[in-house]
Protein backbone atom coordinates (compact mmCIF):
# COMPACT_ATOMS: atom_id res chain seq x y z
CA UNK A 1 -42.02 -36.49 45.78
CA UNK A 2 -41.22 -40.27 46.48
CA UNK A 3 -44.61 -40.89 44.94
CA UNK A 4 -43.74 -38.88 42.02
CA UNK A 5 -40.56 -40.97 41.57
CA UNK A 6 -42.35 -44.12 42.09
CA UNK A 7 -44.79 -43.66 39.30
CA UNK A 8 -42.04 -42.41 36.78
CA UNK A 9 -40.61 -45.72 37.36
CA UNK A 10 -43.63 -47.60 36.73
CA UNK A 11 -44.30 -45.63 33.69
CA UNK A 12 -41.04 -46.37 32.51
CA UNK A 13 -41.43 -49.88 33.16
CA UNK A 14 -44.81 -50.03 31.55
CA UNK A 15 -43.40 -48.41 28.17
CA UNK A 16 -40.37 -50.83 28.40
CA UNK A 17 -42.75 -54.03 28.55
CA UNK A 18 -45.01 -52.53 25.88
CA UNK A 19 -41.77 -52.35 23.44
CA UNK A 20 -42.13 -48.35 23.54
CA UNK A 21 -38.84 -46.28 23.76
CA UNK A 22 -38.76 -44.58 26.87
CA UNK A 23 -35.42 -42.52 26.10
CA UNK A 24 -35.24 -39.62 23.89
CA UNK A 25 -32.04 -39.07 21.72
CA UNK A 26 -30.23 -37.14 24.57
CA UNK A 27 -30.65 -40.28 27.08
CA UNK A 28 -29.27 -42.75 24.67
CA UNK A 29 -25.52 -43.98 25.62
CA UNK A 30 -23.10 -43.58 22.78
CA UNK A 31 -22.19 -47.25 22.86
CA UNK A 32 -25.80 -47.61 21.12
CA UNK A 33 -24.67 -45.56 18.41
CA UNK A 34 -21.57 -48.16 17.76
CA UNK A 35 -24.17 -51.08 17.38
CA UNK A 36 -26.04 -48.90 14.76
CA UNK A 37 -22.96 -48.53 12.53
CA UNK A 38 -21.65 -51.85 12.71
CA UNK A 39 -25.29 -53.40 11.92
CA UNK A 40 -25.74 -50.73 8.81
CA UNK A 41 -22.23 -51.49 7.41
CA UNK A 42 -23.34 -55.00 7.76
CA UNK A 43 -26.74 -54.43 6.05
CA UNK A 44 -24.62 -52.57 3.27
CA UNK A 45 -22.28 -55.67 2.70
CA UNK A 46 -25.32 -58.00 2.56
CA UNK A 47 -27.26 -55.89 0.07
CA UNK A 48 -23.80 -55.64 -2.36
CA UNK A 49 -24.43 -59.19 -2.87
CA UNK A 50 -27.84 -58.51 -4.35
CA UNK A 51 -26.72 -55.14 -6.09
CA UNK A 52 -22.95 -55.28 -6.72
CA UNK A 53 -23.14 -51.64 -8.01
CA UNK A 54 -23.57 -50.97 -4.15
CA UNK A 55 -19.87 -51.55 -3.50
CA UNK A 56 -19.11 -48.11 -4.61
CA UNK A 57 -20.63 -46.73 -1.43
CA UNK A 58 -18.73 -49.33 0.78
CA UNK A 59 -15.27 -46.99 0.83
CA UNK A 60 -17.45 -43.97 1.60
CA UNK A 61 -19.35 -46.01 4.38
CA UNK A 62 -16.12 -47.14 5.73
CA UNK A 63 -14.40 -43.94 5.97
CA UNK A 64 -17.52 -42.32 7.68
CA UNK A 65 -18.01 -45.35 10.22
CA UNK A 66 -14.36 -45.04 11.35
CA UNK A 67 -14.63 -41.53 11.90
CA UNK A 68 -17.83 -41.98 13.88
CA UNK A 69 -16.16 -44.77 15.78
CA UNK A 70 -13.45 -42.63 16.55
CA UNK A 71 -15.85 -40.03 17.92
CA UNK A 72 -18.25 -42.63 19.91
CA UNK A 73 -14.57 -43.81 21.67
CA UNK A 74 -13.56 -40.05 22.52
CA UNK A 75 -13.14 -38.92 25.81
CA UNK A 76 -16.39 -36.87 25.68
CA UNK A 77 -18.70 -39.45 25.02
CA UNK A 78 -17.35 -41.76 27.42
CA UNK A 79 -17.76 -39.22 30.30
CA UNK A 80 -21.39 -38.53 28.69
CA UNK A 81 -22.19 -42.04 29.12
CA UNK A 82 -21.06 -42.29 32.68
CA UNK A 83 -23.55 -39.21 33.11
CA UNK A 84 -26.27 -40.86 31.49
CA UNK A 85 -25.71 -43.80 33.67
CA UNK A 86 -25.77 -41.41 37.05
CA UNK A 87 -28.88 -39.73 35.46
CA UNK A 88 -30.93 -43.02 35.39
CA UNK A 89 -29.93 -44.15 38.54
CA UNK A 90 -31.25 -40.35 40.11
CA UNK A 91 -27.88 -39.56 41.15
CA UNK A 92 -27.86 -36.24 40.21
CA UNK A 93 -24.91 -34.60 41.89
CA UNK A 94 -22.62 -37.07 40.34
CA UNK A 95 -24.24 -36.58 36.89
CA UNK A 96 -23.94 -32.73 37.01
CA UNK A 97 -20.14 -33.36 37.68
CA UNK A 98 -20.00 -35.56 34.65
CA UNK A 99 -21.87 -33.20 32.40
CA UNK A 100 -19.48 -30.21 33.38
CA UNK A 101 -16.37 -32.54 32.44
CA UNK A 102 -18.12 -32.99 29.09
CA UNK A 103 -18.96 -29.33 28.52
CA UNK A 104 -15.27 -28.75 29.37
CA UNK A 105 -13.98 -30.86 26.69
CA UNK A 106 -16.82 -30.20 24.31
CA UNK A 107 -18.76 -26.92 25.16
CA UNK A 108 -21.10 -27.09 22.51
CA UNK A 109 -22.34 -30.63 23.61
CA UNK A 110 -26.44 -30.57 23.40
CA UNK A 111 -26.86 -33.74 25.33
CA UNK A 112 -25.01 -32.29 28.16
CA UNK A 113 -26.88 -29.08 28.19
CA UNK A 114 -30.27 -30.90 27.79
CA UNK A 115 -29.67 -33.30 30.76
CA UNK A 116 -28.29 -30.73 32.77
CA UNK A 117 -31.51 -28.80 32.22
CA UNK A 118 -33.45 -31.57 33.12
CA UNK A 119 -32.04 -31.83 36.84
CA UNK A 120 -31.92 -28.01 37.05
CA UNK A 121 -35.67 -28.16 36.34
CA UNK A 122 -36.01 -30.85 38.98
CA UNK A 123 -34.13 -28.94 41.45
CA UNK A 124 -36.61 -25.83 40.23
CA UNK A 125 -33.63 -23.77 39.06
CA UNK A 126 -35.85 -22.26 36.27
CA UNK A 127 -33.66 -19.46 35.26
CA UNK A 128 -30.50 -21.91 34.77
CA UNK A 129 -32.92 -24.33 32.88
CA UNK A 130 -33.89 -21.34 30.38
CA UNK A 131 -30.18 -20.41 30.06
CA UNK A 132 -29.06 -24.20 29.60
CA UNK A 133 -32.01 -24.77 27.03
CA UNK A 134 -31.43 -21.42 24.87
CA UNK A 135 -27.93 -22.70 24.12
CA UNK A 136 -29.64 -25.47 22.11
CA UNK A 137 -30.09 -25.61 18.58
CA UNK A 138 -34.10 -24.59 18.45
CA UNK A 139 -34.98 -27.42 16.10
CA UNK A 140 -33.74 -29.86 18.89
CA UNK A 141 -36.24 -28.32 21.22
CA UNK A 142 -39.04 -27.71 18.61
CA UNK A 143 -38.60 -31.56 18.15
CA UNK A 144 -39.10 -32.38 21.88
CA UNK A 145 -42.83 -31.76 23.23
CA UNK A 146 -41.28 -32.47 26.65
CA UNK A 147 -38.73 -30.07 26.73
CA UNK A 148 -40.94 -27.36 25.40
CA UNK A 149 -43.39 -27.86 27.86
CA UNK A 150 -40.88 -27.75 30.78
CA UNK A 151 -39.37 -24.42 28.80
CA UNK A 152 -42.88 -22.89 28.88
CA UNK A 153 -43.31 -23.78 32.77
CA UNK A 154 -39.90 -22.10 33.69
CA UNK A 155 -40.72 -19.01 31.84
CA UNK A 156 -44.31 -19.24 33.40
CA UNK A 157 -42.41 -19.65 37.17
CA UNK A 158 -39.95 -16.61 36.31
CA UNK A 159 -42.84 -14.66 35.26
CA UNK A 160 -42.11 -14.23 31.73
CA UNK A 161 -45.73 -15.42 30.49
CA UNK A 162 -45.45 -14.04 27.41
CA UNK A 163 -42.34 -16.27 26.17
CA UNK A 164 -44.63 -19.21 27.62
CA UNK A 165 -47.80 -18.15 25.61
CA UNK A 166 -45.46 -18.12 22.69
CA UNK A 167 -44.28 -21.68 23.14
CA UNK A 168 -47.84 -22.90 23.85
CA UNK A 169 -49.15 -21.60 20.90
CA UNK A 170 -46.18 -23.15 18.76
CA UNK A 171 -47.12 -26.63 20.70
CA UNK A 172 -51.00 -26.34 20.04
CA UNK A 173 -50.40 -26.23 16.26
CA UNK A 174 -48.09 -29.07 16.62
CA UNK A 175 -50.16 -31.25 18.98
CA UNK A 176 -53.21 -30.98 17.50
CA UNK A 177 -55.13 -28.38 19.97
CA UNK A 178 -54.34 -31.00 22.86
CA UNK A 179 -56.36 -30.40 26.11
CA UNK A 180 -53.37 -30.00 28.13
CA UNK A 181 -52.10 -27.21 26.07
CA UNK A 182 -55.52 -25.26 25.99
CA UNK A 183 -55.71 -25.19 29.61
CA UNK A 184 -52.37 -23.87 30.11
CA UNK A 185 -52.99 -21.22 27.63
CA UNK A 186 -56.35 -20.67 29.67
CA UNK A 187 -54.29 -19.95 32.63
CA UNK A 188 -51.79 -17.61 31.04
CA UNK A 189 -54.59 -15.00 30.22
C-alpha cells in the first residue's frame, strides 16, 4: 500500500513538472474559480478598448461575476476547500468530516459526493461508492474515465457484472478500444 502511495505521488509530481494538470474539476479549490472570474473580467475590459460595442456585455458580466463571487465565498465552498486540502494531504477522516458538512449545507454538491466516493473506494466500501456516484449527474460521470473505471470495478467487486460490462462497453466506444478495457471485458465473460 505504501509503495502505491509513493508511486501516486511521483506520478503527480511528474505530471506537474510536465505542465499537465493532475487535478480533475472536483479537486480544484473554489479560490481558483475566483481568479478565473477576475481574469476574464479584465480581459473583457481590455477587449472593450478594441471593440467598444463589447461595453454592452460589461454590466451583464459584472452581475454574473458578482453572483459567482458571492457563491465562491459561501460557507459550503470554504468547507469544500478545506476538505480538498485534507484529501490532498491524505487525511481522509478529516476530509470526510468536512465533506459531510458540505453535504449538510448543499445536499446536491457533486464535488463533495465524488471526493467522498474516491475515499470510500480506497477504503473498499464499494456499495457506498456506487450509492454516492449514482447521485451524481450521469454527464459528469460520462466525462471522467477514471470515475467510470472505478465504478465498473465496484460493480465487479459486489457481483453486478452486467452493470460493469455496460460501463466497459461505453468506455470502449469512448477510449477507442483500449487494451485495458478489452482485457477487463474479457475477464467479465
